[in-house]
Structure formats: structure tokens, C-alpha cells
Amino acid sequence: MDRSSRPRRRVWIAAPLILVSSCSSHQVPPVTPGGAPQVGWVIMHGDDENPNAEFVCQSTPRTDCIVPVSEPGTKRFSAVHVYFHPGSADTKFSGNIRIGFFGSQNGAEIKPSLSAKAGAIEGESVTGIVTDRSGSHELSIDVTAVTTGGTQQIRERIPITVR
């Protein structure tokens, strides 16, 4: 199935001091079997009217993440959608997700503090201006998932190329 024929999903989440995206044209990344909590993500890009215009990459299946650089007079926007999969038990997620390719000096952060019921998926989305610095950047995930069965650290570093 090509990306343009994927169904549309809506994500409604607020994030302080960051523009928030309310619609997108991507699918929630699938969960791998096993019942353990997981964090999935999708990156899109576009302009200020539609930062979800073009698919960039996602957690599953994994491909290279290449985002267009902002240029003088042309700001590029990107939407980062993060999905919290609780697995087979109710799960509380907390931690830090840093979006290092957004234009501010320190990028942007999502600080999740949410609960997801078994079998449900919770999500947070952040929209920002892509940096004007070409090169290697990263999306870093450092999340703790707590269930009745214990605590699991979810850590991932996703390389992002801005060009």
C-alpha cells in the first residue's frame, strides 16, 4: 500500500510552548507481539498550514529519516507523533522525548506522563520548525513504563538527517 492511500487518523494532544498538530496522514506504527510496553513514532513534514503533508519515517517498518532543512525565507515544519503501546497490562508512561532537529537551540521536548489501558494506544504530537542547520540530529526516547508486572526502561536514539 502506498503512503497516499493510508487512512487518516486524528491525534489531539496539547504540548506547552509548541504548536500542536490535530490531523495527520499516517498510520499508528504496529506493535510487535509479546505483550511488553512499547513506544512507536511517526515523523512528517510540510509547511505552517500542514506540517503533516509528507511522510518522513516511522518506527515500524524502519527507514532513513531525512527532513528538509529550513532556509532563509522558507521555514519547514515537522510533526512528530509518539504512540504509547501498553502491551498486555495497564501501563503508566513517564520520561522525556527530545526532538533535536527542531529550530530552537535545544530542540523541543515531550515529557509524557500518561496511563494507557491494556489494548489501547495513547499518543502525543508536537509540531515545530525544522532547524536551519543541515546535518545529523536525533530524536531521543527515554521513557519508563510501569505495569503491575514491573518497570521497563524504553530508550532509543533515532538518527535524523536534515538537508
N, C-alpha and C. Protein backbone atom coordinates (compact mmCIF):
# COMPACT_ATOMS: atom_id res chain seq x y z
N MET A 1 0.85 -1.16 0.00
CA MET A 1 0.00 0.00 0.00
C MET A 1 0.90 1.23 0.00
N ASP A 2 0.64 2.18 -0.92
CA ASP A 2 1.47 3.37 -0.89
C ASP A 2 0.99 4.31 0.20
N ARG A 3 1.85 5.26 0.56
CA ARG A 3 1.56 6.14 1.70
C ARG A 3 0.33 7.00 1.48
N SER A 4 0.05 7.39 0.24
CA SER A 4 -1.08 8.27 -0.01
C SER A 4 -2.43 7.60 0.18
N SER A 5 -2.47 6.26 0.19
CA SER A 5 -3.74 5.56 0.37
C SER A 5 -3.98 5.13 1.81
N ARG A 6 -3.10 5.52 2.71
CA ARG A 6 -3.29 5.17 4.11
C ARG A 6 -4.46 5.96 4.69
N PRO A 7 -5.19 5.36 5.62
CA PRO A 7 -6.31 6.08 6.23
C PRO A 7 -5.82 7.25 7.08
N ARG A 8 -6.65 8.26 7.21
CA ARG A 8 -6.32 9.42 8.05
C ARG A 8 -6.72 9.14 9.49
N ARG A 9 -5.88 9.59 10.41
CA ARG A 9 -6.17 9.47 11.83
C ARG A 9 -6.01 10.84 12.45
N ARG A 10 -6.73 11.09 13.51
CA ARG A 10 -6.61 12.36 14.21
C ARG A 10 -5.96 12.14 15.56
N VAL A 11 -5.05 13.04 15.90
CA VAL A 11 -4.37 12.99 17.18
C VAL A 11 -4.58 14.34 17.84
N TRP A 12 -5.13 14.38 19.05
CA TRP A 12 -5.42 15.62 19.76
C TRP A 12 -4.65 15.63 21.08
N ILE A 13 -3.55 16.32 21.11
CA ILE A 13 -2.76 16.41 22.32
C ILE A 13 -2.19 17.82 22.41
N ALA A 14 -2.11 18.34 23.59
CA ALA A 14 -1.51 19.66 23.78
C ALA A 14 -0.10 19.51 24.32
N ALA A 15 0.77 20.40 23.89
CA ALA A 15 2.14 20.43 24.40
C ALA A 15 2.49 21.89 24.67
N PRO A 16 3.02 22.20 25.83
CA PRO A 16 3.30 23.59 26.17
C PRO A 16 4.36 24.21 25.27
N LEU A 17 4.14 25.46 24.89
CA LEU A 17 5.08 26.27 24.14
C LEU A 17 5.42 25.74 22.75
N ILE A 18 4.67 24.79 22.24
CA ILE A 18 4.91 24.22 20.93
C ILE A 18 3.59 24.23 20.17
N LEU A 19 3.65 24.47 18.87
CA LEU A 19 2.43 24.34 18.07
C LEU A 19 1.95 22.90 18.12
N VAL A 20 0.65 22.67 18.08
CA VAL A 20 0.11 21.32 18.19
C VAL A 20 -0.59 20.95 16.90
N SER A 21 -0.36 19.76 16.44
CA SER A 21 -0.96 19.26 15.22
C SER A 21 -2.23 18.50 15.55
N SER A 22 -3.27 18.66 14.72
CA SER A 22 -4.52 17.98 15.02
C SER A 22 -4.94 16.98 13.97
N CYS A 23 -4.29 16.91 12.84
CA CYS A 23 -4.65 15.86 11.90
C CYS A 23 -3.41 15.41 11.17
N SER A 24 -3.44 14.21 10.70
CA SER A 24 -2.28 13.66 10.04
C SER A 24 -2.68 12.63 9.01
N SER A 25 -1.71 12.24 8.20
CA SER A 25 -1.99 11.26 7.16
C SER A 25 -1.02 10.10 7.28
N HIS A 26 -1.00 9.47 8.41
CA HIS A 26 -0.13 8.33 8.66
C HIS A 26 -0.89 7.32 9.50
N GLN A 27 -0.31 6.15 9.62
CA GLN A 27 -0.91 5.11 10.46
C GLN A 27 -0.10 4.97 11.73
N VAL A 28 -0.78 4.58 12.79
CA VAL A 28 -0.08 4.28 14.04
C VAL A 28 0.82 3.08 13.78
N PRO A 29 2.12 3.17 14.14
CA PRO A 29 3.00 2.04 13.92
C PRO A 29 2.49 0.79 14.63
N PRO A 30 2.60 -0.36 13.98
CA PRO A 30 2.10 -1.59 14.60
C PRO A 30 2.95 -2.00 15.80
N VAL A 31 2.32 -2.76 16.68
CA VAL A 31 3.01 -3.28 17.86
C VAL A 31 3.55 -4.66 17.52
N THR A 32 4.77 -4.92 17.96
CA THR A 32 5.31 -6.26 17.76
C THR A 32 4.73 -7.16 18.84
N PRO A 33 4.49 -8.42 18.53
CA PRO A 33 3.89 -9.32 19.52
C PRO A 33 4.77 -9.49 20.76
N GLY A 34 4.16 -9.83 21.86
CA GLY A 34 4.93 -10.11 23.06
C GLY A 34 4.35 -9.53 24.32
N GLY A 35 3.48 -8.56 24.20
CA GLY A 35 2.81 -8.02 25.37
C GLY A 35 3.57 -7.00 26.17
N ALA A 36 4.81 -6.65 25.82
CA ALA A 36 5.58 -5.66 26.57
C ALA A 36 5.22 -4.25 26.11
N PRO A 37 5.28 -3.27 27.01
CA PRO A 37 5.03 -1.88 26.60
C PRO A 37 6.06 -1.43 25.55
N GLN A 38 5.61 -0.57 24.64
CA GLN A 38 6.47 -0.07 23.58
C GLN A 38 6.14 1.39 23.30
N VAL A 39 7.09 2.08 22.68
CA VAL A 39 6.88 3.44 22.20
C VAL A 39 7.14 3.42 20.70
N GLY A 40 6.14 3.85 19.91
CA GLY A 40 6.28 3.96 18.46
C GLY A 40 6.23 5.43 18.08
N TRP A 41 6.64 5.76 16.86
CA TRP A 41 6.67 7.16 16.44
C TRP A 41 6.54 7.26 14.92
N VAL A 42 6.09 8.43 14.49
CA VAL A 42 6.00 8.78 13.07
C VAL A 42 6.46 10.22 12.93
N ILE A 43 7.27 10.51 11.92
CA ILE A 43 7.71 11.88 11.63
C ILE A 43 7.17 12.28 10.26
N MET A 44 6.57 13.47 10.21
CA MET A 44 6.02 14.04 8.98
C MET A 44 6.68 15.41 8.77
N HIS A 45 6.51 15.99 7.56
CA HIS A 45 6.97 17.37 7.35
C HIS A 45 6.06 18.07 6.37
N GLY A 46 6.14 19.40 6.36
CA GLY A 46 5.33 20.21 5.46
C GLY A 46 5.57 21.68 5.73
N ASP A 47 4.49 22.47 5.61
CA ASP A 47 4.61 23.90 5.86
C ASP A 47 3.79 24.28 7.08
N ASP A 48 3.68 25.59 7.34
CA ASP A 48 2.98 26.02 8.55
C ASP A 48 1.49 25.70 8.51
N GLU A 49 0.90 25.57 7.33
CA GLU A 49 -0.52 25.22 7.23
C GLU A 49 -0.77 23.73 7.36
N ASN A 50 0.20 22.90 6.97
CA ASN A 50 0.05 21.46 7.06
C ASN A 50 1.40 20.79 7.31
N PRO A 51 1.84 20.72 8.57
CA PRO A 51 3.11 20.08 8.87
C PRO A 51 3.07 18.56 8.68
N ASN A 52 1.90 18.02 8.36
CA ASN A 52 1.73 16.58 8.12
C ASN A 52 1.60 16.26 6.64
N ALA A 53 2.05 17.14 5.76
CA ALA A 53 1.85 16.97 4.32
C ALA A 53 2.59 15.76 3.76
N GLU A 54 3.80 15.51 4.23
CA GLU A 54 4.64 14.46 3.67
C GLU A 54 5.17 13.53 4.76
N PHE A 55 5.12 12.25 4.49
CA PHE A 55 5.67 11.23 5.39
C PHE A 55 7.19 11.28 5.33
N VAL A 56 7.85 11.16 6.49
CA VAL A 56 9.31 11.09 6.55
C VAL A 56 9.74 9.67 6.92
N CYS A 57 9.33 9.21 8.10
CA CYS A 57 9.75 7.89 8.56
C CYS A 57 8.91 7.50 9.77
N GLN A 58 9.05 6.23 10.19
CA GLN A 58 8.33 5.75 11.37
C GLN A 58 9.11 4.62 12.02
N SER A 59 8.66 4.25 13.21
CA SER A 59 9.37 3.23 13.98
C SER A 59 9.30 1.85 13.34
N THR A 60 8.16 1.50 12.76
CA THR A 60 8.00 0.18 12.14
C THR A 60 7.14 0.30 10.89
N PRO A 61 7.61 -0.07 9.72
CA PRO A 61 8.98 -0.52 9.41
C PRO A 61 9.93 0.67 9.39
N ARG A 62 11.14 0.43 9.79
CA ARG A 62 12.15 1.48 9.92
C ARG A 62 12.75 1.81 8.56
N THR A 63 12.86 3.11 8.30
CA THR A 63 13.55 3.62 7.11
C THR A 63 14.40 4.81 7.54
N ASP A 64 15.23 5.33 6.64
CA ASP A 64 16.03 6.51 6.96
C ASP A 64 15.11 7.70 7.18
N CYS A 65 15.48 8.56 8.13
CA CYS A 65 14.71 9.76 8.45
C CYS A 65 15.45 10.97 7.88
N ILE A 66 14.92 11.52 6.79
CA ILE A 66 15.53 12.69 6.14
C ILE A 66 14.48 13.79 6.08
N VAL A 67 14.78 14.92 6.75
CA VAL A 67 13.85 16.04 6.86
C VAL A 67 14.45 17.23 6.11
N PRO A 68 13.62 17.97 5.34
CA PRO A 68 14.14 19.15 4.64
C PRO A 68 14.53 20.25 5.63
N VAL A 69 15.65 20.90 5.36
CA VAL A 69 16.17 21.96 6.21
C VAL A 69 15.36 23.25 5.99
N SER A 70 15.20 24.05 7.05
CA SER A 70 14.63 25.39 6.90
C SER A 70 15.69 26.28 6.26
N GLU A 71 15.24 27.15 5.38
CA GLU A 71 16.15 28.05 4.68
C GLU A 71 15.70 29.48 4.92
N PRO A 72 16.58 30.46 4.68
CA PRO A 72 16.16 31.85 4.85
C PRO A 72 14.91 32.13 4.00
N GLY A 73 13.87 32.61 4.64
CA GLY A 73 12.63 32.91 3.94
C GLY A 73 11.69 31.74 3.76
N THR A 74 12.14 30.51 4.05
CA THR A 74 11.30 29.32 3.89
C THR A 74 11.46 28.43 5.12
N LYS A 75 10.53 28.56 6.03
CA LYS A 75 10.56 27.70 7.21
C LYS A 75 9.90 26.37 6.87
N ARG A 76 10.55 25.30 7.26
CA ARG A 76 10.00 23.95 7.10
C ARG A 76 9.45 23.53 8.45
N PHE A 77 8.30 22.90 8.44
CA PHE A 77 7.68 22.43 9.67
C PHE A 77 7.67 20.91 9.69
N SER A 78 7.70 20.36 10.88
CA SER A 78 7.65 18.92 11.04
C SER A 78 6.72 18.59 12.21
N ALA A 79 6.01 17.48 12.08
CA ALA A 79 5.18 16.96 13.16
C ALA A 79 5.76 15.63 13.60
N VAL A 80 5.93 15.48 14.89
CA VAL A 80 6.42 14.22 15.47
C VAL A 80 5.27 13.65 16.30
N HIS A 81 4.84 12.44 15.95
CA HIS A 81 3.75 11.76 16.63
C HIS A 81 4.34 10.58 17.38
N VAL A 82 4.08 10.51 18.68
CA VAL A 82 4.61 9.44 19.52
C VAL A 82 3.44 8.64 20.07
N TYR A 83 3.54 7.31 19.99
CA TYR A 83 2.46 6.41 20.41
C TYR A 83 2.94 5.51 21.53
N PHE A 84 2.15 5.43 22.58
CA PHE A 84 2.48 4.63 23.75
C PHE A 84 1.59 3.39 23.75
N HIS A 85 2.21 2.23 23.50
CA HIS A 85 1.53 0.94 23.43
C HIS A 85 1.71 0.24 24.78
N PRO A 86 0.63 0.00 25.53
CA PRO A 86 0.79 -0.57 26.87
C PRO A 86 1.07 -2.06 26.90
N GLY A 87 0.87 -2.75 25.80
CA GLY A 87 1.06 -4.20 25.83
C GLY A 87 -0.13 -4.88 26.47
N SER A 88 0.12 -5.93 27.23
CA SER A 88 -0.96 -6.76 27.76
C SER A 88 -1.46 -6.32 29.14
N ALA A 89 -0.93 -5.21 29.70
CA ALA A 89 -1.36 -4.74 31.02
C ALA A 89 -1.47 -3.21 31.00
N ASP A 90 -2.34 -2.67 31.85
CA ASP A 90 -2.40 -1.22 32.00
C ASP A 90 -0.99 -0.72 32.34
N THR A 91 -0.62 0.42 31.73
CA THR A 91 0.76 0.90 31.86
C THR A 91 0.78 2.41 32.08
N LYS A 92 1.64 2.85 32.98
CA LYS A 92 1.89 4.28 33.18
C LYS A 92 3.23 4.61 32.54
N PHE A 93 3.22 5.61 31.64
CA PHE A 93 4.42 6.04 30.94
C PHE A 93 4.86 7.40 31.48
N SER A 94 6.16 7.57 31.67
CA SER A 94 6.72 8.87 32.04
C SER A 94 8.13 8.95 31.47
N GLY A 95 8.65 10.16 31.39
CA GLY A 95 10.01 10.29 30.90
C GLY A 95 10.22 11.52 30.07
N ASN A 96 11.08 11.38 29.05
CA ASN A 96 11.49 12.50 28.23
C ASN A 96 11.73 12.04 26.80
N ILE A 97 11.19 12.80 25.86
CA ILE A 97 11.46 12.56 24.44
C ILE A 97 11.96 13.88 23.87
N ARG A 98 13.17 13.88 23.36
CA ARG A 98 13.79 15.11 22.85
C ARG A 98 13.80 15.06 21.32
N ILE A 99 13.30 16.14 20.73
CA ILE A 99 13.27 16.29 19.27
C ILE A 99 14.39 17.26 18.92
N GLY A 100 15.53 16.74 18.56
CA GLY A 100 16.74 17.54 18.37
C GLY A 100 16.85 18.24 17.03
N PHE A 101 15.91 18.03 16.13
CA PHE A 101 16.02 18.67 14.82
C PHE A 101 15.07 19.85 14.66
N PHE A 102 14.40 20.26 15.74
CA PHE A 102 13.59 21.47 15.70
C PHE A 102 14.51 22.67 15.87
N GLY A 103 14.08 23.83 15.39
CA GLY A 103 14.92 25.02 15.23
C GLY A 103 15.48 25.69 16.45
N SER A 104 14.87 25.52 17.61
CA SER A 104 15.44 26.18 18.78
C SER A 104 16.79 25.56 19.12
N GLN A 105 17.58 26.28 19.88
CA GLN A 105 18.93 25.80 20.22
C GLN A 105 18.91 24.41 20.84
N ASN A 106 17.94 24.14 21.69
CA ASN A 106 17.88 22.86 22.38
C ASN A 106 16.85 21.90 21.80
N GLY A 107 16.24 22.23 20.68
CA GLY A 107 15.21 21.38 20.12
C GLY A 107 13.92 21.54 20.92
N ALA A 108 13.15 20.49 21.02
CA ALA A 108 11.89 20.50 21.76
C ALA A 108 11.80 19.21 22.56
N GLU A 109 10.91 19.20 23.53
CA GLU A 109 10.74 18.01 24.37
C GLU A 109 9.27 17.66 24.52
N ILE A 110 9.03 16.38 24.65
CA ILE A 110 7.75 15.87 25.12
C ILE A 110 8.06 15.20 26.44
N LYS A 111 7.31 15.54 27.47
CA LYS A 111 7.50 14.92 28.78
C LYS A 111 6.23 14.14 29.10
N PRO A 112 6.14 12.91 28.58
CA PRO A 112 4.91 12.15 28.80
C PRO A 112 4.71 11.81 30.27
N SER A 113 3.46 11.88 30.67
CA SER A 113 3.03 11.43 31.99
C SER A 113 1.60 10.99 31.79
N LEU A 114 1.44 9.75 31.36
CA LEU A 114 0.11 9.27 30.98
C LEU A 114 -0.04 7.80 31.28
N SER A 115 -1.30 7.37 31.33
CA SER A 115 -1.62 5.96 31.53
C SER A 115 -2.35 5.45 30.31
N ALA A 116 -2.07 4.21 29.94
CA ALA A 116 -2.73 3.56 28.82
C ALA A 116 -3.31 2.24 29.29
N LYS A 117 -4.56 2.02 29.00
CA LYS A 117 -5.22 0.76 29.33
C LYS A 117 -4.71 -0.34 28.40
N ALA A 118 -4.65 -1.56 28.90
CA ALA A 118 -4.23 -2.71 28.09
C ALA A 118 -5.05 -2.74 26.80
N GLY A 119 -4.38 -2.90 25.69
CA GLY A 119 -5.05 -2.98 24.39
C GLY A 119 -5.35 -1.64 23.76
N ALA A 120 -5.16 -0.52 24.47
CA ALA A 120 -5.40 0.81 23.92
C ALA A 120 -4.06 1.46 23.59
N ILE A 121 -4.10 2.52 22.82
CA ILE A 121 -2.89 3.26 22.48
C ILE A 121 -3.14 4.72 22.80
N GLU A 122 -2.19 5.34 23.48
CA GLU A 122 -2.24 6.77 23.76
C GLU A 122 -1.17 7.45 22.92
N GLY A 123 -1.40 8.71 22.57
CA GLY A 123 -0.43 9.40 21.73
C GLY A 123 -0.25 10.85 22.10
N GLU A 124 0.91 11.38 21.75
CA GLU A 124 1.20 12.80 21.89
C GLU A 124 1.87 13.25 20.60
N SER A 125 1.56 14.48 20.17
CA SER A 125 2.12 15.03 18.94
C SER A 125 2.65 16.42 19.20
N VAL A 126 3.78 16.74 18.57
CA VAL A 126 4.38 18.06 18.67
C VAL A 126 4.76 18.51 17.27
N THR A 127 4.48 19.78 16.99
CA THR A 127 4.84 20.37 15.71
C THR A 127 5.83 21.50 15.97
N GLY A 128 6.86 21.59 15.14
CA GLY A 128 7.84 22.66 15.30
C GLY A 128 8.49 23.01 13.99
N ILE A 129 9.30 24.05 14.03
CA ILE A 129 10.05 24.49 12.85
C ILE A 129 11.35 23.71 12.80
N VAL A 130 11.65 23.13 11.64
CA VAL A 130 12.88 22.36 11.45
C VAL A 130 14.07 23.32 11.49
N THR A 131 15.16 22.88 12.07
CA THR A 131 16.38 23.67 12.17
C THR A 131 16.88 24.12 10.79
N ASP A 132 17.65 25.20 10.81
CA ASP A 132 18.29 25.67 9.58
C ASP A 132 19.74 25.15 9.51
N ARG A 133 20.06 24.21 10.38
CA ARG A 133 21.40 23.60 10.40
C ARG A 133 21.35 22.22 9.76
N SER A 134 21.86 22.09 8.55
CA SER A 134 21.93 20.78 7.90
C SER A 134 22.85 19.87 8.70
N GLY A 135 22.60 18.57 8.59
CA GLY A 135 23.49 17.63 9.25
C GLY A 135 22.74 16.58 10.04
N SER A 136 23.46 15.95 10.95
CA SER A 136 22.92 14.86 11.76
C SER A 136 22.32 15.40 13.05
N HIS A 137 21.12 14.95 13.35
CA HIS A 137 20.40 15.31 14.56
C HIS A 137 19.79 14.02 15.09
N GLU A 138 19.00 14.10 16.15
CA GLU A 138 18.38 12.87 16.64
C GLU A 138 17.07 13.13 17.35
N LEU A 139 16.27 12.09 17.36
CA LEU A 139 15.07 12.00 18.19
C LEU A 139 15.46 11.00 19.27
N SER A 140 15.42 11.43 20.53
CA SER A 140 15.81 10.51 21.60
C SER A 140 14.63 10.23 22.50
N ILE A 141 14.47 8.95 22.81
CA ILE A 141 13.37 8.48 23.65
C ILE A 141 13.97 7.90 24.92
N ASP A 142 13.51 8.40 26.06
CA ASP A 142 13.94 7.89 27.37
C ASP A 142 12.68 7.85 28.24
N VAL A 143 11.99 6.71 28.18
CA VAL A 143 10.68 6.57 28.81
C VAL A 143 10.70 5.38 29.77
N THR A 144 9.99 5.54 30.89
CA THR A 144 9.80 4.46 31.84
C THR A 144 8.35 4.00 31.74
N ALA A 145 8.16 2.70 31.59
CA ALA A 145 6.83 2.09 31.54
C ALA A 145 6.64 1.24 32.79
N VAL A 146 5.60 1.55 33.57
CA VAL A 146 5.35 0.84 34.82
C VAL A 146 4.03 0.08 34.70
N THR A 147 4.10 -1.23 34.94
CA THR A 147 2.91 -2.09 34.95
C THR A 147 2.88 -2.83 36.28
N THR A 148 1.82 -3.59 36.50
CA THR A 148 1.75 -4.41 37.72
C THR A 148 2.87 -5.44 37.73
N GLY A 149 3.40 -5.77 36.55
CA GLY A 149 4.47 -6.76 36.45
C GLY A 149 5.86 -6.20 36.63
N GLY A 150 5.99 -4.88 36.74
CA GLY A 150 7.31 -4.30 36.92
C GLY A 150 7.53 -3.05 36.11
N THR A 151 8.80 -2.65 36.05
CA THR A 151 9.20 -1.42 35.37
C THR A 151 10.10 -1.77 34.20
N GLN A 152 9.88 -1.07 33.08
CA GLN A 152 10.69 -1.29 31.88
C GLN A 152 11.19 0.06 31.38
N GLN A 153 12.49 0.16 31.11
CA GLN A 153 13.06 1.35 30.51
C GLN A 153 12.99 1.20 28.99
N ILE A 154 12.51 2.22 28.31
CA ILE A 154 12.46 2.23 26.85
C ILE A 154 13.36 3.37 26.40
N ARG A 155 14.48 3.01 25.80
CA ARG A 155 15.45 4.02 25.36
C ARG A 155 15.80 3.74 23.90
N GLU A 156 15.76 4.82 23.14
CA GLU A 156 16.08 4.70 21.72
C GLU A 156 16.64 6.02 21.21
N ARG A 157 17.60 5.95 20.31
CA ARG A 157 18.16 7.13 19.65
C ARG A 157 17.92 6.94 18.15
N ILE A 158 17.14 7.84 17.57
CA ILE A 158 16.80 7.73 16.16
C ILE A 158 17.58 8.81 15.41
N PRO A 159 18.46 8.42 14.49
CA PRO A 159 19.21 9.43 13.73
C PRO A 159 18.29 10.12 12.73
N ILE A 160 18.40 11.46 12.68
CA ILE A 160 17.63 12.29 11.76
C ILE A 160 18.62 13.09 10.92
N THR A 161 18.50 13.00 9.61
CA THR A 161 19.32 13.81 8.72
C THR A 161 18.50 14.99 8.25
N VAL A 162 19.02 16.18 8.45
CA VAL A 162 18.38 17.39 7.96
C VAL A 162 19.22 17.89 6.80
N ARG A 163 18.54 18.01 5.63
CA ARG A 163 19.27 18.52 4.45
C ARG A 163 18.35 19.22 3.49
